[in-house]
Amino acid sequence: MIEALGWSNIPSKMVYGIQRAIDKNIPVVMVSRCPKGRVLDTYGYDGGGKHLRELGVIFDKNLPEQKARIKLMLILGITNDLKIIKGIFENKLK
């Protein structure tokens, strides 16, 4: 679980660890730290939202970190398929 900084960005030094997790089939979900914020895939530089989405980071648009973590735990009780997990978080699957 990642709590993104401004406009869904993280420090570029974190990208390597995130990529390693994704390569090991570990879901990485990003949420906003702002109470009414959301994550976006706007910027394409290393650590930018667009770059993170291209790496396979899953974006949750509405939940705070605590609720997104619980949602992820429940989903992992059913499946570890990253495509299904992404579909559920991004409201493409119910």
PDB file of N, CA and C in Angstrom:
ATOM      1  N   MET A   1       0.862  -1.168   0.000  1.00  0.00           N
ATOM      2  CA  MET A   1       0.000   0.000   0.000  1.00  0.00           C
ATOM      3  C   MET A   1       0.908   1.231   0.000  1.00  0.00           C
ATOM      4  N   ILE A   2       0.624   2.147  -0.890  1.00  0.00           N
ATOM      5  CA  ILE A   2       1.378   3.395  -0.977  1.00  0.00           C
ATOM      6  C   ILE A   2       0.409   4.545  -0.749  1.00  0.00           C
ATOM      7  N   GLU A   3       0.777   5.473   0.098  1.00  0.00           N
ATOM      8  CA  GLU A   3       0.032   6.721   0.218  1.00  0.00           C
ATOM      9  C   GLU A   3       0.792   7.738  -0.618  1.00  0.00           C
ATOM     10  N   ALA A   4       0.217   8.122  -1.735  1.00  0.00           N
ATOM     11  CA  ALA A   4       0.886   9.016  -2.674  1.00  0.00           C
ATOM     12  C   ALA A   4       1.025  10.421  -2.108  1.00  0.00           C
ATOM     13  N   LEU A   5       2.039  11.081  -2.578  1.00  0.00           N
ATOM     14  CA  LEU A   5       2.229  12.484  -2.247  1.00  0.00           C
ATOM     15  C   LEU A   5       1.458  13.306  -3.270  1.00  0.00           C
ATOM     16  N   GLY A   6       1.772  14.570  -3.434  1.00  0.00           N
ATOM     17  CA  GLY A   6       1.012  15.445  -4.319  1.00  0.00           C
ATOM     18  C   GLY A   6       0.763  14.890  -5.702  1.00  0.00           C
ATOM     19  N   TRP A   7      -0.471  14.888  -6.117  1.00  0.00           N
ATOM     20  CA  TRP A   7      -0.923  14.448  -7.436  1.00  0.00           C
ATOM     21  C   TRP A   7      -0.418  13.066  -7.820  1.00  0.00           C
ATOM     22  N   SER A   8      -0.431  12.144  -6.861  1.00  0.00           N
ATOM     23  CA  SER A   8      -0.138  10.724  -7.121  1.00  0.00           C
ATOM     24  C   SER A   8       1.317  10.455  -7.444  1.00  0.00           C
ATOM     25  N   ASN A   9       2.196  11.193  -6.874  1.00  0.00           N
ATOM     26  CA  ASN A   9       3.609  11.018  -7.137  1.00  0.00           C
ATOM     27  C   ASN A   9       4.323  10.507  -5.893  1.00  0.00           C
ATOM     28  N   ILE A  10       5.447   9.845  -6.123  1.00  0.00           N
ATOM     29  CA  ILE A  10       6.294   9.375  -5.038  1.00  0.00           C
ATOM     30  C   ILE A  10       7.736   9.714  -5.389  1.00  0.00           C
ATOM     31  N   PRO A  11       8.650   9.696  -4.424  1.00  0.00           N
ATOM     32  CA  PRO A  11      10.060   9.930  -4.747  1.00  0.00           C
ATOM     33  C   PRO A  11      10.579   8.844  -5.691  1.00  0.00           C
ATOM     34  N   SER A  12      11.373   9.226  -6.657  1.00  0.00           N
ATOM     35  CA  SER A  12      11.868   8.277  -7.666  1.00  0.00           C
ATOM     36  C   SER A  12      12.668   7.138  -7.049  1.00  0.00           C
ATOM     37  N   LYS A  13      13.270   7.345  -5.894  1.00  0.00           N
ATOM     38  CA  LYS A  13      14.052   6.285  -5.252  1.00  0.00           C
ATOM     39  C   LYS A  13      13.178   5.126  -4.772  1.00  0.00           C
ATOM     40  N   MET A  14      11.882   5.316  -4.699  1.00  0.00           N
ATOM     41  CA  MET A  14      10.967   4.250  -4.278  1.00  0.00           C
ATOM     42  C   MET A  14      10.562   3.334  -5.435  1.00  0.00           C
ATOM     43  N   VAL A  15      10.796   3.763  -6.659  1.00  0.00           N
ATOM     44  CA  VAL A  15      10.301   3.030  -7.829  1.00  0.00           C
ATOM     45  C   VAL A  15      10.914   1.637  -7.925  1.00  0.00           C
ATOM     46  N   TYR A  16      12.184   1.501  -7.633  1.00  0.00           N
ATOM     47  CA  TYR A  16      12.850   0.196  -7.753  1.00  0.00           C
ATOM     48  C   TYR A  16      12.169  -0.838  -6.856  1.00  0.00           C
ATOM     49  N   GLY A  17      11.894  -0.498  -5.613  1.00  0.00           N
ATOM     50  CA  GLY A  17      11.240  -1.424  -4.696  1.00  0.00           C
ATOM     51  C   GLY A  17       9.834  -1.785  -5.137  1.00  0.00           C
ATOM     52  N   ILE A  18       9.125  -0.806  -5.666  1.00  0.00           N
ATOM     53  CA  ILE A  18       7.773  -1.053  -6.169  1.00  0.00           C
ATOM     54  C   ILE A  18       7.820  -2.006  -7.358  1.00  0.00           C
ATOM     55  N   GLN A  19       8.757  -1.785  -8.259  1.00  0.00           N
ATOM     56  CA  GLN A  19       8.886  -2.662  -9.421  1.00  0.00           C
ATOM     57  C   GLN A  19       9.247  -4.076  -8.996  1.00  0.00           C
ATOM     58  N   ARG A  20      10.106  -4.222  -8.023  1.00  0.00           N
ATOM     59  CA  ARG A  20      10.470  -5.561  -7.522  1.00  0.00           C
ATOM     60  C   ARG A  20       9.245  -6.271  -6.954  1.00  0.00           C
ATOM     61  N   ALA A  21       8.427  -5.551  -6.198  1.00  0.00           N
ATOM     62  CA  ALA A  21       7.221  -6.162  -5.629  1.00  0.00           C
ATOM     63  C   ALA A  21       6.284  -6.625  -6.740  1.00  0.00           C
ATOM     64  N   ILE A  22       6.063  -5.782  -7.712  1.00  0.00           N
ATOM     65  CA  ILE A  22       5.165  -6.130  -8.820  1.00  0.00           C
ATOM     66  C   ILE A  22       5.718  -7.315  -9.601  1.00  0.00           C
ATOM     67  N   ASP A  23       7.032  -7.346  -9.822  1.00  0.00           N
ATOM     68  CA  ASP A  23       7.659  -8.464 -10.536  1.00  0.00           C
ATOM     69  C   ASP A  23       7.480  -9.784  -9.782  1.00  0.00           C
ATOM     70  N   LYS A  24       7.311  -9.721  -8.461  1.00  0.00           N
ATOM     71  CA  LYS A  24       7.099 -10.917  -7.637  1.00  0.00           C
ATOM     72  C   LYS A  24       5.615 -11.201  -7.424  1.00  0.00           C
ATOM     73  N   ASN A  25       4.773 -10.561  -8.227  1.00  0.00           N
ATOM     74  CA  ASN A  25       3.315 -10.748  -8.174  1.00  0.00           C
ATOM     75  C   ASN A  25       2.708 -10.271  -6.853  1.00  0.00           C
ATOM     76  N   ILE A  26       3.311  -9.262  -6.258  1.00  0.00           N
ATOM     77  CA  ILE A  26       2.780  -8.652  -5.040  1.00  0.00           C
ATOM     78  C   ILE A  26       1.990  -7.417  -5.451  1.00  0.00           C
ATOM     79  N   PRO A  27       0.704  -7.356  -5.129  1.00  0.00           N
ATOM     80  CA  PRO A  27      -0.076  -6.186  -5.539  1.00  0.00           C
ATOM     81  C   PRO A  27       0.370  -4.928  -4.790  1.00  0.00           C
ATOM     82  N   VAL A  28       0.533  -3.869  -5.537  1.00  0.00           N
ATOM     83  CA  VAL A  28       0.887  -2.570  -4.957  1.00  0.00           C
ATOM     84  C   VAL A  28      -0.271  -1.630  -5.264  1.00  0.00           C
ATOM     85  N   VAL A  29      -0.930  -1.174  -4.213  1.00  0.00           N
ATOM     86  CA  VAL A  29      -2.093  -0.303  -4.351  1.00  0.00           C
ATOM     87  C   VAL A  29      -1.718   1.093  -3.871  1.00  0.00           C
ATOM     88  N   MET A  30      -2.079   2.095  -4.643  1.00  0.00           N
ATOM     89  CA  MET A  30      -1.787   3.474  -4.275  1.00  0.00           C
ATOM     90  C   MET A  30      -3.082   4.213  -3.974  1.00  0.00           C
ATOM     91  N   VAL A  31      -3.058   4.942  -2.859  1.00  0.00           N
ATOM     92  CA  VAL A  31      -4.182   5.775  -2.436  1.00  0.00           C
ATOM     93  C   VAL A  31      -3.646   7.176  -2.163  1.00  0.00           C
ATOM     94  N   SER A  32      -4.537   8.101  -1.990  1.00  0.00           N
ATOM     95  CA  SER A  32      -4.152   9.474  -1.673  1.00  0.00           C
ATOM     96  C   SER A  32      -4.039   9.648  -0.167  1.00  0.00           C
ATOM     97  N   ARG A  33      -3.124  10.482   0.260  1.00  0.00           N
ATOM     98  CA  ARG A  33      -2.992  10.821   1.680  1.00  0.00           C
ATOM     99  C   ARG A  33      -4.019  11.868   2.089  1.00  0.00           C
ATOM    100  N   CYS A  34      -4.589  12.546   1.120  1.00  0.00           N
ATOM    101  CA  CYS A  34      -5.538  13.622   1.395  1.00  0.00           C
ATOM    102  C   CYS A  34      -6.912  13.041   1.720  1.00  0.00           C
ATOM    103  N   PRO A  35      -7.603  13.579   2.722  1.00  0.00           N
ATOM    104  CA  PRO A  35      -8.914  13.042   3.098  1.00  0.00           C
ATOM    105  C   PRO A  35      -9.923  13.016   1.954  1.00  0.00           C
ATOM    106  N   LYS A  36      -9.863  13.986   1.076  1.00  0.00           N
ATOM    107  CA  LYS A  36     -10.795  14.016  -0.054  1.00  0.00           C
ATOM    108  C   LYS A  36     -10.039  14.027  -1.376  1.00  0.00           C
ATOM    109  N   GLY A  37      -8.829  13.526  -1.355  1.00  0.00           N
ATOM    110  CA  GLY A  37      -8.017  13.499  -2.567  1.00  0.00           C
ATOM    111  C   GLY A  37      -8.216  12.213  -3.343  1.00  0.00           C
ATOM    112  N   ARG A  38      -7.593  12.144  -4.483  1.00  0.00           N
ATOM    113  CA  ARG A  38      -7.630  10.933  -5.301  1.00  0.00           C
ATOM    114  C   ARG A  38      -6.309  10.799  -6.037  1.00  0.00           C
ATOM    115  N   VAL A  39      -6.043   9.623  -6.527  1.00  0.00           N
ATOM    116  CA  VAL A  39      -4.802   9.389  -7.252  1.00  0.00           C
ATOM    117  C   VAL A  39      -5.081   9.486  -8.749  1.00  0.00           C
ATOM    118  N   LEU A  40      -4.138  10.051  -9.455  1.00  0.00           N
ATOM    119  CA  LEU A  40      -4.264  10.272 -10.899  1.00  0.00           C
ATOM    120  C   LEU A  40      -2.988   9.841 -11.607  1.00  0.00           C
ATOM    121  N   ASP A  41      -3.107   9.518 -12.862  1.00  0.00           N
ATOM    122  CA  ASP A  41      -1.924   9.151 -13.648  1.00  0.00           C
ATOM    123  C   ASP A  41      -1.550  10.294 -14.586  1.00  0.00           C
ATOM    124  N   THR A  42      -1.168  11.421 -13.995  1.00  0.00           N
ATOM    125  CA  THR A  42      -0.890  12.631 -14.753  1.00  0.00           C
ATOM    126  C   THR A  42       0.549  12.713 -15.235  1.00  0.00           C
ATOM    127  N   TYR A  43       1.512  12.552 -14.336  1.00  0.00           N
ATOM    128  CA  TYR A  43       2.922  12.801 -14.676  1.00  0.00           C
ATOM    129  C   TYR A  43       3.656  11.506 -15.003  1.00  0.00           C
ATOM    130  N   GLY A  44       4.506  11.547 -16.042  1.00  0.00           N
ATOM    131  CA  GLY A  44       5.170  10.354 -16.538  1.00  0.00           C
ATOM    132  C   GLY A  44       6.602  10.157 -16.099  1.00  0.00           C
ATOM    133  N   TYR A  45       7.161  11.049 -15.305  1.00  0.00           N
ATOM    134  CA  TYR A  45       8.554  10.880 -14.872  1.00  0.00           C
ATOM    135  C   TYR A  45       8.651   9.748 -13.846  1.00  0.00           C
ATOM    136  N   ASP A  46       9.872   9.283 -13.540  1.00  0.00           N
ATOM    137  CA  ASP A  46      10.064   8.222 -12.543  1.00  0.00           C
ATOM    138  C   ASP A  46       9.413   8.611 -11.228  1.00  0.00           C
ATOM    139  N   GLY A  47       8.448   7.833 -10.807  1.00  0.00           N
ATOM    140  CA  GLY A  47       7.730   8.126  -9.579  1.00  0.00           C
ATOM    141  C   GLY A  47       6.443   8.894  -9.801  1.00  0.00           C
ATOM    142  N   GLY A  48       6.190   9.331 -11.021  1.00  0.00           N
ATOM    143  CA  GLY A  48       4.943  10.020 -11.341  1.00  0.00           C
ATOM    144  C   GLY A  48       3.813   9.022 -11.523  1.00  0.00           C
ATOM    145  N   GLY A  49       2.587   9.478 -11.352  1.00  0.00           N
ATOM    146  CA  GLY A  49       1.431   8.600 -11.431  1.00  0.00           C
ATOM    147  C   GLY A  49       1.321   7.814 -12.722  1.00  0.00           C
ATOM    148  N   LYS A  50       1.583   8.443 -13.846  1.00  0.00           N
ATOM    149  CA  LYS A  50       1.493   7.756 -15.135  1.00  0.00           C
ATOM    150  C   LYS A  50       2.526   6.637 -15.208  1.00  0.00           C
ATOM    151  N   HIS A  51       3.731   6.935 -14.765  1.00  0.00           N
ATOM    152  CA  HIS A  51       4.801   5.932 -14.754  1.00  0.00           C
ATOM    153  C   HIS A  51       4.438   4.767 -13.833  1.00  0.00           C
ATOM    154  N   LEU A  52       3.894   5.065 -12.662  1.00  0.00           N
ATOM    155  CA  LEU A  52       3.525   4.014 -11.715  1.00  0.00           C
ATOM    156  C   LEU A  52       2.417   3.127 -12.275  1.00  0.00           C
ATOM    157  N   ARG A  53       1.437   3.725 -12.936  1.00  0.00           N
ATOM    158  CA  ARG A  53       0.369   2.927 -13.553  1.00  0.00           C
ATOM    159  C   ARG A  53       0.951   2.012 -14.628  1.00  0.00           C
ATOM    160  N   GLU A  54       1.884   2.524 -15.422  1.00  0.00           N
ATOM    161  CA  GLU A  54       2.516   1.705 -16.461  1.00  0.00           C
ATOM    162  C   GLU A  54       3.299   0.539 -15.854  1.00  0.00           C
ATOM    163  N   LEU A  55       3.847   0.722 -14.656  1.00  0.00           N
ATOM    164  CA  LEU A  55       4.576  -0.354 -13.979  1.00  0.00           C
ATOM    165  C   LEU A  55       3.635  -1.428 -13.454  1.00  0.00           C
ATOM    166  N   GLY A  56       2.367  -1.067 -13.243  1.00  0.00           N
ATOM    167  CA  GLY A  56       1.393  -2.024 -12.739  1.00  0.00           C
ATOM    168  C   GLY A  56       0.830  -1.690 -11.380  1.00  0.00           C
ATOM    169  N   VAL A  57       1.119  -0.485 -10.880  1.00  0.00           N
ATOM    170  CA  VAL A  57       0.547  -0.063  -9.606  1.00  0.00           C
ATOM    171  C   VAL A  57      -0.964   0.078  -9.784  1.00  0.00           C
ATOM    172  N   ILE A  58      -1.699  -0.393  -8.795  1.00  0.00           N
ATOM    173  CA  ILE A  58      -3.163  -0.343  -8.810  1.00  0.00           C
ATOM    174  C   ILE A  58      -3.604   0.941  -8.123  1.00  0.00           C
ATOM    175  N   PHE A  59      -4.463   1.701  -8.749  1.00  0.00           N
ATOM    176  CA  PHE A  59      -4.943   2.965  -8.190  1.00  0.00           C
ATOM    177  C   PHE A  59      -6.319   2.774  -7.563  1.00  0.00           C
ATOM    178  N   ASP A  60      -6.487   3.267  -6.357  1.00  0.00           N
ATOM    179  CA  ASP A  60      -7.823   3.332  -5.777  1.00  0.00           C
ATOM    180  C   ASP A  60      -8.184   4.803  -5.692  1.00  0.00           C
ATOM    181  N   LYS A  61      -9.293   5.178  -6.259  1.00  0.00           N
ATOM    182  CA  LYS A  61      -9.630   6.595  -6.388  1.00  0.00           C
ATOM    183  C   LYS A  61     -10.317   7.194  -5.179  1.00  0.00           C
ATOM    184  N   ASN A  62     -10.954   6.379  -4.345  1.00  0.00           N
ATOM    185  CA  ASN A  62     -11.820   6.966  -3.338  1.00  0.00           C
ATOM    186  C   ASN A  62     -11.523   6.598  -1.888  1.00  0.00           C
ATOM    187  N   LEU A  63     -10.884   5.495  -1.637  1.00  0.00           N
ATOM    188  CA  LEU A  63     -10.732   5.031  -0.264  1.00  0.00           C
ATOM    189  C   LEU A  63      -9.495   5.599   0.432  1.00  0.00           C
ATOM    190  N   PRO A  64      -9.617   5.864   1.735  1.00  0.00           N
ATOM    191  CA  PRO A  64      -8.421   6.190   2.506  1.00  0.00           C
ATOM    192  C   PRO A  64      -7.598   4.913   2.703  1.00  0.00           C
ATOM    193  N   GLU A  65      -6.358   5.071   3.109  1.00  0.00           N
ATOM    194  CA  GLU A  65      -5.431   3.947   3.211  1.00  0.00           C
ATOM    195  C   GLU A  65      -5.970   2.814   4.068  1.00  0.00           C
ATOM    196  N   GLN A  66      -6.549   3.114   5.211  1.00  0.00           N
ATOM    197  CA  GLN A  66      -7.013   2.064   6.111  1.00  0.00           C
ATOM    198  C   GLN A  66      -8.093   1.196   5.459  1.00  0.00           C
ATOM    199  N   LYS A  67      -9.027   1.824   4.780  1.00  0.00           N
ATOM    200  CA  LYS A  67     -10.103   1.071   4.133  1.00  0.00           C
ATOM    201  C   LYS A  67      -9.585   0.315   2.912  1.00  0.00           C
ATOM    202  N   ALA A  68      -8.671   0.920   2.169  1.00  0.00           N
ATOM    203  CA  ALA A  68      -8.094   0.240   1.006  1.00  0.00           C
ATOM    204  C   ALA A  68      -7.294  -0.986   1.452  1.00  0.00           C
ATOM    205  N   ARG A  69      -6.606  -0.899   2.582  1.00  0.00           N
ATOM    206  CA  ARG A  69      -5.846  -2.036   3.113  1.00  0.00           C
ATOM    207  C   ARG A  69      -6.799  -3.190   3.471  1.00  0.00           C
ATOM    208  N   ILE A  70      -7.915  -2.879   4.115  1.00  0.00           N
ATOM    209  CA  ILE A  70      -8.899  -3.914   4.449  1.00  0.00           C
ATOM    210  C   ILE A  70      -9.477  -4.523   3.181  1.00  0.00           C
ATOM    211  N   LYS A  71      -9.797  -3.678   2.209  1.00  0.00           N
ATOM    212  CA  LYS A  71     -10.322  -4.165   0.936  1.00  0.00           C
ATOM    213  C   LYS A  71      -9.325  -5.121   0.285  1.00  0.00           C
ATOM    214  N   LEU A  72      -8.036  -4.758   0.298  1.00  0.00           N
ATOM    215  CA  LEU A  72      -7.010  -5.608  -0.292  1.00  0.00           C
ATOM    216  C   LEU A  72      -6.912  -6.943   0.451  1.00  0.00           C
ATOM    217  N   MET A  73      -6.972  -6.917   1.761  1.00  0.00           N
ATOM    218  CA  MET A  73      -6.918  -8.165   2.540  1.00  0.00           C
ATOM    219  C   MET A  73      -8.085  -9.079   2.176  1.00  0.00           C
ATOM    220  N   LEU A  74      -9.277  -8.512   2.045  1.00  0.00           N
ATOM    221  CA  LEU A  74     -10.443  -9.316   1.676  1.00  0.00           C
ATOM    222  C   LEU A  74     -10.298  -9.899   0.275  1.00  0.00           C
ATOM    223  N   ILE A  75      -9.817  -9.087  -0.658  1.00  0.00           N
ATOM    224  CA  ILE A  75      -9.631  -9.563  -2.031  1.00  0.00           C
ATOM    225  C   ILE A  75      -8.592 -10.681  -2.066  1.00  0.00           C
ATOM    226  N   LEU A  76      -7.495 -10.515  -1.326  1.00  0.00           N
ATOM    227  CA  LEU A  76      -6.445 -11.541  -1.317  1.00  0.00           C
ATOM    228  C   LEU A  76      -6.931 -12.854  -0.715  1.00  0.00           C
ATOM    229  N   GLY A  77      -7.990 -12.803   0.099  1.00  0.00           N
ATOM    230  CA  GLY A  77      -8.604 -14.024   0.602  1.00  0.00           C
ATOM    231  C   GLY A  77      -9.324 -14.801  -0.482  1.00  0.00           C
ATOM    232  N   ILE A  78      -9.590 -14.142  -1.615  1.00  0.00           N
ATOM    233  CA  ILE A  78     -10.305 -14.760  -2.729  1.00  0.00           C
ATOM    234  C   ILE A  78      -9.371 -15.079  -3.895  1.00  0.00           C
ATOM    235  N   THR A  79      -8.467 -14.148  -4.198  1.00  0.00           N
ATOM    236  CA  THR A  79      -7.600 -14.306  -5.366  1.00  0.00           C
ATOM    237  C   THR A  79      -6.289 -13.558  -5.178  1.00  0.00           C
ATOM    238  N   ASN A  80      -5.275 -13.999  -5.903  1.00  0.00           N
ATOM    239  CA  ASN A  80      -4.026 -13.239  -5.969  1.00  0.00           C
ATOM    240  C   ASN A  80      -3.710 -12.849  -7.418  1.00  0.00           C
ATOM    241  N   ASP A  81      -4.717 -12.946  -8.267  1.00  0.00           N
ATOM    242  CA  ASP A  81      -4.581 -12.555  -9.670  1.00  0.00           C
ATOM    243  C   ASP A  81      -4.579 -11.032  -9.763  1.00  0.00           C
ATOM    244  N   LEU A  82      -3.456 -10.465 -10.197  1.00  0.00           N
ATOM    245  CA  LEU A  82      -3.314  -9.008 -10.228  1.00  0.00           C
ATOM    246  C   LEU A  82      -4.339  -8.338 -11.130  1.00  0.00           C
ATOM    247  N   LYS A  83      -4.719  -8.981 -12.216  1.00  0.00           N
ATOM    248  CA  LYS A  83      -5.714  -8.381 -13.109  1.00  0.00           C
ATOM    249  C   LYS A  83      -7.073  -8.271 -12.422  1.00  0.00           C
ATOM    250  N   ILE A  84      -7.437  -9.301 -11.680  1.00  0.00           N
ATOM    251  CA  ILE A  84      -8.712  -9.263 -10.960  1.00  0.00           C
ATOM    252  C   ILE A  84      -8.656  -8.238  -9.842  1.00  0.00           C
ATOM    253  N   ILE A  85      -7.560  -8.212  -9.098  1.00  0.00           N
ATOM    254  CA  ILE A  85      -7.400  -7.238  -8.019  1.00  0.00           C
ATOM    255  C   ILE A  85      -7.505  -5.822  -8.564  1.00  0.00           C
ATOM    256  N   LYS A  86      -6.816  -5.573  -9.672  1.00  0.00           N
ATOM    257  CA  LYS A  86      -6.867  -4.244 -10.293  1.00  0.00           C
ATOM    258  C   LYS A  86      -8.286  -3.909 -10.739  1.00  0.00           C
ATOM    259  N   GLY A  87      -8.968  -4.855 -11.330  1.00  0.00           N
ATOM    260  CA  GLY A  87     -10.333  -4.634 -11.791  1.00  0.00           C
ATOM    261  C   GLY A  87     -11.269  -4.275 -10.649  1.00  0.00           C
ATOM    262  N   ILE A  88     -11.100  -4.945  -9.519  1.00  0.00           N
ATOM    263  CA  ILE A  88     -11.954  -4.641  -8.358  1.00  0.00           C
ATOM    264  C   ILE A  88     -11.631  -3.252  -7.808  1.00  0.00           C
ATOM    265  N   PHE A  89     -10.367  -2.934  -7.646  1.00  0.00           N
ATOM    266  CA  PHE A  89     -10.003  -1.628  -7.092  1.00  0.00           C
ATOM    267  C   PHE A  89     -10.387  -0.485  -8.020  1.00  0.00           C
ATOM    268  N   GLU A  90     -10.280  -0.703  -9.299  1.00  0.00           N
ATOM    269  CA  GLU A  90     -10.557   0.379 -10.247  1.00  0.00           C
ATOM    270  C   GLU A  90     -11.990   0.311 -10.764  1.00  0.00           C
ATOM    271  N   ASN A  91     -12.845  -0.415 -10.038  1.00  0.00           N
ATOM    272  CA  ASN A  91     -14.274  -0.504 -10.314  1.00  0.00           C
ATOM    273  C   ASN A  91     -14.607  -1.050 -11.712  1.00  0.00           C
ATOM    274  N   LYS A  92     -13.742  -1.903 -12.219  1.00  0.00           N
ATOM    275  CA  LYS A  92     -14.038  -2.531 -13.489  1.00  0.00           C
ATOM    276  C   LYS A  92     -14.671  -3.896 -13.280  1.00  0.00           C
ATOM    277  N   LEU A  93     -14.495  -4.444 -12.070  1.00  0.00           N
ATOM    278  CA  LEU A  93     -15.124  -5.706 -11.667  1.00  0.00           C
ATOM    279  C   LEU A  93     -15.778  -5.475 -10.322  1.00  0.00           C
ATOM    280  N   LYS A  94     -16.798  -6.197 -10.027  1.00  0.00           N
ATOM    281  CA  LYS A  94     -17.468  -6.097  -8.718  1.00  0.00           C
ATOM    282  C   LYS A  94     -17.302  -7.377  -7.961  1.00  0.00           C
TER     283      LYS A  94
END
